[in-house]
Amino acid sequence: MKTWLIVPTLILSLATGAARAADDAKMKPIFDGKTLNGWATKGGTAEYRVEDGCIAGKTVEGSPNTFLCTTRDYADFVLEFEVKCDVELNSGCQIRSHVHEKDFTDEKKRVRKAGTVYGYQCEIMHTGGNAGNFWDEARRAKWLDDFSKKPEAQKAFKDNEWNHYRIVAQGDHMRSWVNGVPAGDFCDKTDASGFIGLQVHGIKKGAGPYQVRWKNIRIRELKPGEKVK
């Protein structure tokens, strides 16, 4: 690289690093590492506990999908966490989500019982290459982004390892990154706010038990129009 190109590139890199550090300083934990204060279980009977500074979710045979949910709603935000999931288990992170107040028939003609969690779910699972994509849980029952042309996103999730997720919800625009790789990116006006939920997926009879763990769960609420990379 020519010398006259090095200095501007270095300045840009330093500026970007400083901006990221400033953003990181604004992130606030929503899990204290010791208790489940500020969280409540919805939708099923899977077990959640605090273990070694992590939230550990364990499957229970016969339970439908279960979610450990924040006890308050969020609208526009940056959410980050690390997650490690048994390869046999499907999981996800709900954002701007809600609970069906009465029985509901989704677009796949499946009846969802009152008390079922629904809304945007950011996928946590390697199989199928959709980790980081958004699934419309218990409502439209479909993917909200097309990963068929995103080969890097399909390979971003690492089995048997801690995976870093970054989710940005701003207005009608939702995005995600898995281990720093751009993943989900779509616009939808259905939900402007709702709770955050950590999923333990239901399992087949005779399977499991399986576990999924989360740690370093942090959030930064955004002001209207605030720029976020």
C-alpha atoms as a PDB file:
ATOM      1  CA  MET A   1       0.000   0.000   0.000  1.00  0.00           C
ATOM      2  CA  LYS A   2       1.297   3.462  -0.830  1.00  0.00           C
ATOM      3  CA  THR A   3       2.245   5.689   2.094  1.00  0.00           C
ATOM      4  CA  TRP A   4      -0.305   8.364   1.208  1.00  0.00           C
ATOM      5  CA  LEU A   5      -3.039   5.750   1.550  1.00  0.00           C
ATOM      6  CA  ILE A   6      -1.867   4.363   4.895  1.00  0.00           C
ATOM      7  CA  VAL A   7      -2.544   7.453   7.035  1.00  0.00           C
ATOM      8  CA  PRO A   8      -6.226   7.980   6.012  1.00  0.00           C
ATOM      9  CA  THR A   9      -6.878   4.246   6.394  1.00  0.00           C
ATOM     10  CA  LEU A  10      -5.323   4.259   9.869  1.00  0.00           C
ATOM     11  CA  ILE A  11      -7.326   7.314  10.907  1.00  0.00           C
ATOM     12  CA  LEU A  12     -10.553   5.691   9.688  1.00  0.00           C
ATOM     13  CA  SER A  13      -9.723   2.477  11.541  1.00  0.00           C
ATOM     14  CA  LEU A  14      -9.005   4.347  14.775  1.00  0.00           C
ATOM     15  CA  ALA A  15     -12.182   6.406  14.436  1.00  0.00           C
ATOM     16  CA  THR A  16     -14.254   3.275  13.843  1.00  0.00           C
ATOM     17  CA  GLY A  17     -12.664   1.565  16.830  1.00  0.00           C
ATOM     18  CA  ALA A  18     -13.344   4.584  19.042  1.00  0.00           C
ATOM     19  CA  ALA A  19     -16.978   4.711  17.914  1.00  0.00           C
ATOM     20  CA  ARG A  20     -17.436   1.020  18.684  1.00  0.00           C
ATOM     21  CA  ALA A  21     -15.836   1.463  22.108  1.00  0.00           C
ATOM     22  CA  ALA A  22     -18.194   4.358  22.845  1.00  0.00           C
ATOM     23  CA  ASP A  23     -21.189   2.278  21.756  1.00  0.00           C
ATOM     24  CA  ASP A  24     -19.984  -0.661  23.852  1.00  0.00           C
ATOM     25  CA  ALA A  25     -19.813   1.561  26.931  1.00  0.00           C
ATOM     26  CA  LYS A  26     -23.520   2.371  26.513  1.00  0.00           C
ATOM     27  CA  MET A  27     -24.582  -1.285  26.624  1.00  0.00           C
ATOM     28  CA  LYS A  28     -26.311  -2.305  29.854  1.00  0.00           C
ATOM     29  CA  PRO A  29     -26.722  -5.854  31.223  1.00  0.00           C
ATOM     30  CA  ILE A  30     -30.256  -7.237  31.461  1.00  0.00           C
ATOM     31  CA  PHE A  31     -29.026 -10.386  33.237  1.00  0.00           C
ATOM     32  CA  ASP A  32     -27.094  -9.847  36.461  1.00  0.00           C
ATOM     33  CA  GLY A  33     -25.218 -13.163  36.257  1.00  0.00           C
ATOM     34  CA  LYS A  34     -26.622 -14.317  39.603  1.00  0.00           C
ATOM     35  CA  THR A  35     -30.428 -14.325  39.529  1.00  0.00           C
ATOM     36  CA  LEU A  36     -33.354 -14.375  37.093  1.00  0.00           C
ATOM     37  CA  ASN A  37     -34.705 -11.096  38.447  1.00  0.00           C
ATOM     38  CA  GLY A  38     -36.445  -9.200  35.654  1.00  0.00           C
ATOM     39  CA  TRP A  39     -37.297 -12.394  33.765  1.00  0.00           C
ATOM     40  CA  ALA A  40     -40.368 -14.674  33.703  1.00  0.00           C
ATOM     41  CA  THR A  41     -41.094 -18.043  32.070  1.00  0.00           C
ATOM     42  CA  LYS A  42     -43.860 -18.188  29.457  1.00  0.00           C
ATOM     43  CA  GLY A  43     -45.363 -20.772  27.110  1.00  0.00           C
ATOM     44  CA  GLY A  44     -44.068 -24.040  28.571  1.00  0.00           C
ATOM     45  CA  THR A  45     -42.389 -25.841  31.449  1.00  0.00           C
ATOM     46  CA  ALA A  46     -38.725 -26.028  30.398  1.00  0.00           C
ATOM     47  CA  GLU A  47     -36.315 -25.348  33.253  1.00  0.00           C
ATOM     48  CA  TYR A  48     -34.224 -22.181  33.566  1.00  0.00           C
ATOM     49  CA  ARG A  49     -31.570 -21.617  36.197  1.00  0.00           C
ATOM     50  CA  VAL A  50     -28.420 -19.565  36.773  1.00  0.00           C
ATOM     51  CA  GLU A  51     -25.252 -21.639  36.481  1.00  0.00           C
ATOM     52  CA  ASP A  52     -21.652 -20.345  36.407  1.00  0.00           C
ATOM     53  CA  GLY A  53     -22.796 -16.843  35.492  1.00  0.00           C
ATOM     54  CA  CYS A  54     -24.977 -18.101  32.625  1.00  0.00           C
ATOM     55  CA  ILE A  55     -28.681 -18.636  32.080  1.00  0.00           C
ATOM     56  CA  ALA A  56     -29.034 -22.376  31.479  1.00  0.00           C
ATOM     57  CA  GLY A  57     -32.207 -23.642  29.822  1.00  0.00           C
ATOM     58  CA  LYS A  58     -33.028 -27.360  29.953  1.00  0.00           C
ATOM     59  CA  THR A  59     -35.662 -29.241  27.963  1.00  0.00           C
ATOM     60  CA  VAL A  60     -38.546 -31.029  29.665  1.00  0.00           C
ATOM     61  CA  GLU A  61     -40.224 -33.867  27.783  1.00  0.00           C
ATOM     62  CA  GLY A  62     -43.825 -33.068  26.895  1.00  0.00           C
ATOM     63  CA  SER A  63     -43.373 -29.298  27.142  1.00  0.00           C
ATOM     64  CA  PRO A  64     -44.125 -26.997  24.205  1.00  0.00           C
ATOM     65  CA  ASN A  65     -41.687 -24.236  23.281  1.00  0.00           C
ATOM     66  CA  THR A  66     -40.754 -22.319  26.415  1.00  0.00           C
ATOM     67  CA  PHE A  67     -39.370 -18.797  26.732  1.00  0.00           C
ATOM     68  CA  LEU A  68     -37.644 -16.929  29.534  1.00  0.00           C
ATOM     69  CA  CYS A  69     -38.901 -13.399  28.895  1.00  0.00           C
ATOM     70  CA  THR A  70     -38.043  -9.928  30.102  1.00  0.00           C
ATOM     71  CA  THR A  71     -40.716  -8.492  32.366  1.00  0.00           C
ATOM     72  CA  ARG A  72     -40.707  -5.225  30.408  1.00  0.00           C
ATOM     73  CA  ASP A  73     -41.021  -4.355  26.726  1.00  0.00           C
ATOM     74  CA  TYR A  74     -38.420  -2.860  24.400  1.00  0.00           C
ATOM     75  CA  ALA A  75     -38.912  -0.948  21.136  1.00  0.00           C
ATOM     76  CA  ASP A  76     -35.726   0.222  19.378  1.00  0.00           C
ATOM     77  CA  PHE A  77     -32.494  -1.282  20.655  1.00  0.00           C
ATOM     78  CA  VAL A  78     -29.165  -3.003  20.123  1.00  0.00           C
ATOM     79  CA  LEU A  79     -29.080  -6.409  21.840  1.00  0.00           C
ATOM     80  CA  GLU A  80     -25.977  -8.548  22.254  1.00  0.00           C
ATOM     81  CA  PHE A  81     -25.409 -11.923  23.892  1.00  0.00           C
ATOM     82  CA  GLU A  82     -23.395 -15.100  23.680  1.00  0.00           C
ATOM     83  CA  VAL A  83     -25.096 -18.472  23.317  1.00  0.00           C
ATOM     84  CA  LYS A  84     -24.047 -22.120  23.307  1.00  0.00           C
ATOM     85  CA  CYS A  85     -26.612 -24.727  22.295  1.00  0.00           C
ATOM     86  CA  ASP A  86     -26.553 -28.538  22.225  1.00  0.00           C
ATOM     87  CA  VAL A  87     -26.432 -29.536  18.552  1.00  0.00           C
ATOM     88  CA  GLU A  88     -29.609 -31.623  18.926  1.00  0.00           C
ATOM     89  CA  LEU A  89     -31.592 -28.617  20.119  1.00  0.00           C
ATOM     90  CA  ASN A  90     -33.285 -25.745  18.295  1.00  0.00           C
ATOM     91  CA  SER A  91     -33.380 -22.385  20.057  1.00  0.00           C
ATOM     92  CA  GLY A  92     -33.942 -18.712  19.371  1.00  0.00           C
ATOM     93  CA  CYS A  93     -34.220 -15.210  20.776  1.00  0.00           C
ATOM     94  CA  GLN A  94     -37.580 -13.478  20.628  1.00  0.00           C
ATOM     95  CA  ILE A  95     -37.687  -9.709  20.145  1.00  0.00           C
ATOM     96  CA  ARG A  96     -40.697  -7.362  20.246  1.00  0.00           C
ATOM     97  CA  SER A  97     -42.787 -10.393  21.185  1.00  0.00           C
ATOM     98  CA  HIS A  98     -46.103 -11.033  22.898  1.00  0.00           C
ATOM     99  CA  VAL A  99     -48.376 -13.775  24.274  1.00  0.00           C
ATOM    100  CA  HIS A 100     -51.617 -14.918  22.638  1.00  0.00           C
ATOM    101  CA  GLU A 101     -54.423 -13.942  24.990  1.00  0.00           C
ATOM    102  CA  LYS A 102     -56.740 -16.570  23.463  1.00  0.00           C
ATOM    103  CA  ASP A 103     -56.422 -19.570  21.146  1.00  0.00           C
ATOM    104  CA  PHE A 104     -55.119 -18.511  17.733  1.00  0.00           C
ATOM    105  CA  THR A 105     -54.849 -20.282  14.368  1.00  0.00           C
ATOM    106  CA  ASP A 106     -51.620 -19.344  12.592  1.00  0.00           C
ATOM    107  CA  GLU A 107     -51.095 -19.071   8.830  1.00  0.00           C
ATOM    108  CA  LYS A 108     -50.109 -22.776   8.681  1.00  0.00           C
ATOM    109  CA  LYS A 109     -53.553 -23.614  10.152  1.00  0.00           C
ATOM    110  CA  ARG A 110     -51.969 -24.723  13.428  1.00  0.00           C
ATOM    111  CA  VAL A 111     -53.863 -23.832  16.597  1.00  0.00           C
ATOM    112  CA  ARG A 112     -51.761 -21.907  19.109  1.00  0.00           C
ATOM    113  CA  LYS A 113     -53.118 -22.107  22.637  1.00  0.00           C
ATOM    114  CA  ALA A 114     -53.668 -19.070  24.826  1.00  0.00           C
ATOM    115  CA  GLY A 115     -50.410 -18.306  26.612  1.00  0.00           C
ATOM    116  CA  THR A 116     -48.247 -19.141  23.573  1.00  0.00           C
ATOM    117  CA  VAL A 117     -45.423 -16.711  22.828  1.00  0.00           C
ATOM    118  CA  TYR A 118     -45.417 -15.189  19.339  1.00  0.00           C
ATOM    119  CA  GLY A 119     -43.434 -12.671  17.315  1.00  0.00           C
ATOM    120  CA  TYR A 120     -40.029 -12.141  15.741  1.00  0.00           C
ATOM    121  CA  GLN A 121     -37.534 -14.875  16.624  1.00  0.00           C
ATOM    122  CA  CYS A 122     -33.833 -14.702  15.741  1.00  0.00           C
ATOM    123  CA  GLU A 123     -32.779 -18.295  15.054  1.00  0.00           C
ATOM    124  CA  ILE A 124     -30.156 -20.114  17.139  1.00  0.00           C
ATOM    125  CA  MET A 125     -29.340 -23.381  15.368  1.00  0.00           C
ATOM    126  CA  HIS A 126     -26.768 -24.534  12.829  1.00  0.00           C
ATOM    127  CA  THR A 127     -28.856 -27.140  10.989  1.00  0.00           C
ATOM    128  CA  GLY A 128     -30.472 -25.645   7.880  1.00  0.00           C
ATOM    129  CA  GLY A 129     -28.102 -22.687   7.752  1.00  0.00           C
ATOM    130  CA  ASN A 130     -30.622 -20.183   9.131  1.00  0.00           C
ATOM    131  CA  ALA A 131     -28.859 -19.066  12.324  1.00  0.00           C
ATOM    132  CA  GLY A 132     -29.449 -15.325  12.542  1.00  0.00           C
ATOM    133  CA  ASN A 133     -32.489 -15.408  10.272  1.00  0.00           C
ATOM    134  CA  PHE A 134     -35.813 -14.301  11.744  1.00  0.00           C
ATOM    135  CA  TRP A 135     -38.766 -16.670  12.068  1.00  0.00           C
ATOM    136  CA  ASP A 136     -42.259 -15.366  12.730  1.00  0.00           C
ATOM    137  CA  GLU A 137     -43.009 -17.592  15.724  1.00  0.00           C
ATOM    138  CA  ALA A 138     -46.559 -18.907  16.306  1.00  0.00           C
ATOM    139  CA  ARG A 139     -48.190 -16.383  13.945  1.00  0.00           C
ATOM    140  CA  ARG A 140     -47.178 -16.307  10.250  1.00  0.00           C
ATOM    141  CA  ALA A 141     -44.852 -19.315  10.752  1.00  0.00           C
ATOM    142  CA  LYS A 142     -42.375 -18.332   8.038  1.00  0.00           C
ATOM    143  CA  TRP A 143     -38.858 -16.970   7.531  1.00  0.00           C
ATOM    144  CA  LEU A 144     -38.727 -13.196   7.230  1.00  0.00           C
ATOM    145  CA  ASP A 145     -35.441 -13.080   5.289  1.00  0.00           C
ATOM    146  CA  ASP A 146     -34.081 -15.179   2.403  1.00  0.00           C
ATOM    147  CA  PHE A 147     -30.755 -16.812   3.247  1.00  0.00           C
ATOM    148  CA  SER A 148     -30.453 -18.684  -0.051  1.00  0.00           C
ATOM    149  CA  LYS A 149     -28.072 -15.987  -1.341  1.00  0.00           C
ATOM    150  CA  LYS A 150     -26.186 -15.527   1.938  1.00  0.00           C
ATOM    151  CA  PRO A 151     -23.582 -18.332   2.037  1.00  0.00           C
ATOM    152  CA  GLU A 152     -21.443 -16.590   4.666  1.00  0.00           C
ATOM    153  CA  ALA A 153     -24.413 -16.177   6.998  1.00  0.00           C
ATOM    154  CA  GLN A 154     -25.316 -19.842   6.540  1.00  0.00           C
ATOM    155  CA  LYS A 155     -21.881 -20.850   7.869  1.00  0.00           C
ATOM    156  CA  ALA A 156     -21.508 -18.260  10.640  1.00  0.00           C
ATOM    157  CA  PHE A 157     -22.847 -20.333  13.561  1.00  0.00           C
ATOM    158  CA  LYS A 158     -20.339 -22.695  15.199  1.00  0.00           C
ATOM    159  CA  ASP A 159     -21.531 -25.938  16.800  1.00  0.00           C
ATOM    160  CA  ASN A 160     -20.316 -26.729  20.330  1.00  0.00           C
ATOM    161  CA  GLU A 161     -18.924 -23.199  20.746  1.00  0.00           C
ATOM    162  CA  TRP A 162     -20.033 -19.905  22.232  1.00  0.00           C
ATOM    163  CA  ASN A 163     -21.578 -17.791  19.475  1.00  0.00           C
ATOM    164  CA  HIS A 164     -21.878 -14.008  19.634  1.00  0.00           C
ATOM    165  CA  TYR A 165     -25.169 -12.466  18.478  1.00  0.00           C
ATOM    166  CA  ARG A 166     -25.892  -8.812  17.771  1.00  0.00           C
ATOM    167  CA  ILE A 167     -29.481  -7.815  17.003  1.00  0.00           C
ATOM    168  CA  VAL A 168     -30.603  -4.322  16.025  1.00  0.00           C
ATOM    169  CA  ALA A 169     -34.290  -3.386  15.953  1.00  0.00           C
ATOM    170  CA  GLN A 170     -34.945   0.143  14.755  1.00  0.00           C
ATOM    171  CA  GLY A 171     -38.300   1.278  13.446  1.00  0.00           C
ATOM    172  CA  ASP A 172     -39.460  -1.314  10.936  1.00  0.00           C
ATOM    173  CA  HIS A 173     -35.889  -2.481  10.255  1.00  0.00           C
ATOM    174  CA  MET A 174     -34.476  -5.614  11.949  1.00  0.00           C
ATOM    175  CA  ARG A 175     -30.903  -6.869  11.533  1.00  0.00           C
ATOM    176  CA  SER A 176     -28.628  -9.486  13.052  1.00  0.00           C
ATOM    177  CA  TRP A 177     -24.987 -10.548  13.062  1.00  0.00           C
ATOM    178  CA  VAL A 178     -23.680 -13.970  14.102  1.00  0.00           C
ATOM    179  CA  ASN A 179     -20.029 -13.986  15.178  1.00  0.00           C
ATOM    180  CA  GLY A 180     -19.622 -10.670  13.363  1.00  0.00           C
ATOM    181  CA  VAL A 181     -21.093 -11.951  10.081  1.00  0.00           C
ATOM    182  CA  PRO A 182     -24.109  -9.993   8.731  1.00  0.00           C
ATOM    183  CA  ALA A 183     -27.114 -12.320   8.820  1.00  0.00           C
ATOM    184  CA  GLY A 184     -30.788 -11.325   9.018  1.00  0.00           C
ATOM    185  CA  ASP A 185     -31.908  -8.046   7.449  1.00  0.00           C
ATOM    186  CA  PHE A 186     -35.571  -7.258   6.759  1.00  0.00           C
ATOM    187  CA  CYS A 187     -38.264  -4.636   7.203  1.00  0.00           C
ATOM    188  CA  ASP A 188     -41.646  -5.304   8.787  1.00  0.00           C
ATOM    189  CA  LYS A 189     -44.169  -3.037  10.510  1.00  0.00           C
ATOM    190  CA  THR A 190     -46.108  -5.685  12.443  1.00  0.00           C
ATOM    191  CA  ASP A 191     -44.552  -5.182  15.892  1.00  0.00           C
ATOM    192  CA  ALA A 192     -43.104  -1.897  17.173  1.00  0.00           C
ATOM    193  CA  SER A 193     -42.298  -3.151  20.675  1.00  0.00           C
ATOM    194  CA  GLY A 194     -42.534  -6.199  22.925  1.00  0.00           C
ATOM    195  CA  PHE A 195     -40.533  -8.386  25.276  1.00  0.00           C
ATOM    196  CA  ILE A 196     -37.289 -10.278  24.683  1.00  0.00           C
ATOM    197  CA  GLY A 197     -37.429 -14.044  25.190  1.00  0.00           C
ATOM    198  CA  LEU A 198     -34.861 -16.861  25.337  1.00  0.00           C
ATOM    199  CA  GLN A 199     -36.196 -20.091  23.843  1.00  0.00           C
ATOM    200  CA  VAL A 200     -35.912 -23.700  24.915  1.00  0.00           C
ATOM    201  CA  HIS A 201     -37.534 -25.599  22.068  1.00  0.00           C
ATOM    202  CA  GLY A 202     -39.926 -28.478  22.633  1.00  0.00           C
ATOM    203  CA  ILE A 203     -38.516 -31.973  21.985  1.00  0.00           C
ATOM    204  CA  LYS A 204     -39.809 -35.306  20.728  1.00  0.00           C
ATOM    205  CA  LYS A 205     -40.885 -38.017  23.162  1.00  0.00           C
ATOM    206  CA  GLY A 206     -37.907 -39.977  24.416  1.00  0.00           C
ATOM    207  CA  ALA A 207     -35.385 -37.315  23.404  1.00  0.00           C
ATOM    208  CA  GLY A 208     -33.114 -35.225  25.569  1.00  0.00           C
ATOM    209  CA  PRO A 209     -32.644 -33.684  27.947  1.00  0.00           C
ATOM    210  CA  TYR A 210     -30.773 -30.970  26.035  1.00  0.00           C
ATOM    211  CA  GLN A 211     -29.490 -27.600  27.144  1.00  0.00           C
ATOM    212  CA  VAL A 212     -28.859 -24.108  25.828  1.00  0.00           C
ATOM    213  CA  ARG A 213     -26.895 -21.409  27.672  1.00  0.00           C
ATOM    214  CA  TRP A 214     -26.720 -17.624  27.389  1.00  0.00           C
ATOM    215  CA  LYS A 215     -24.296 -15.136  28.914  1.00  0.00           C
ATOM    216  CA  ASN A 216     -23.247 -11.474  28.637  1.00  0.00           C
ATOM    217  CA  ILE A 217     -26.777 -10.389  27.715  1.00  0.00           C
ATOM    218  CA  ARG A 218     -26.688  -6.636  27.178  1.00  0.00           C
ATOM    219  CA  ILE A 219     -28.892  -4.014  25.590  1.00  0.00           C
ATOM    220  CA  ARG A 220     -28.772  -0.378  24.515  1.00  0.00           C
ATOM    221  CA  GLU A 221     -32.062   1.363  23.852  1.00  0.00           C
ATOM    222  CA  LEU A 222     -32.043   3.668  20.857  1.00  0.00           C
ATOM    223  CA  LYS A 223     -33.495   7.096  20.306  1.00  0.00           C
ATOM    224  CA  PRO A 224     -35.691   7.678  17.218  1.00  0.00           C
ATOM    225  CA  GLY A 225     -33.480   8.158  14.158  1.00  0.00           C
ATOM    226  CA  GLU A 226     -30.266   7.325  16.008  1.00  0.00           C
ATOM    227  CA  LYS A 227     -27.637   5.978  13.617  1.00  0.00           C
ATOM    228  CA  VAL A 228     -26.423   2.440  14.254  1.00  0.00           C
ATOM    229  CA  LYS A 229     -23.977   0.423  12.180  1.00  0.00           C
END
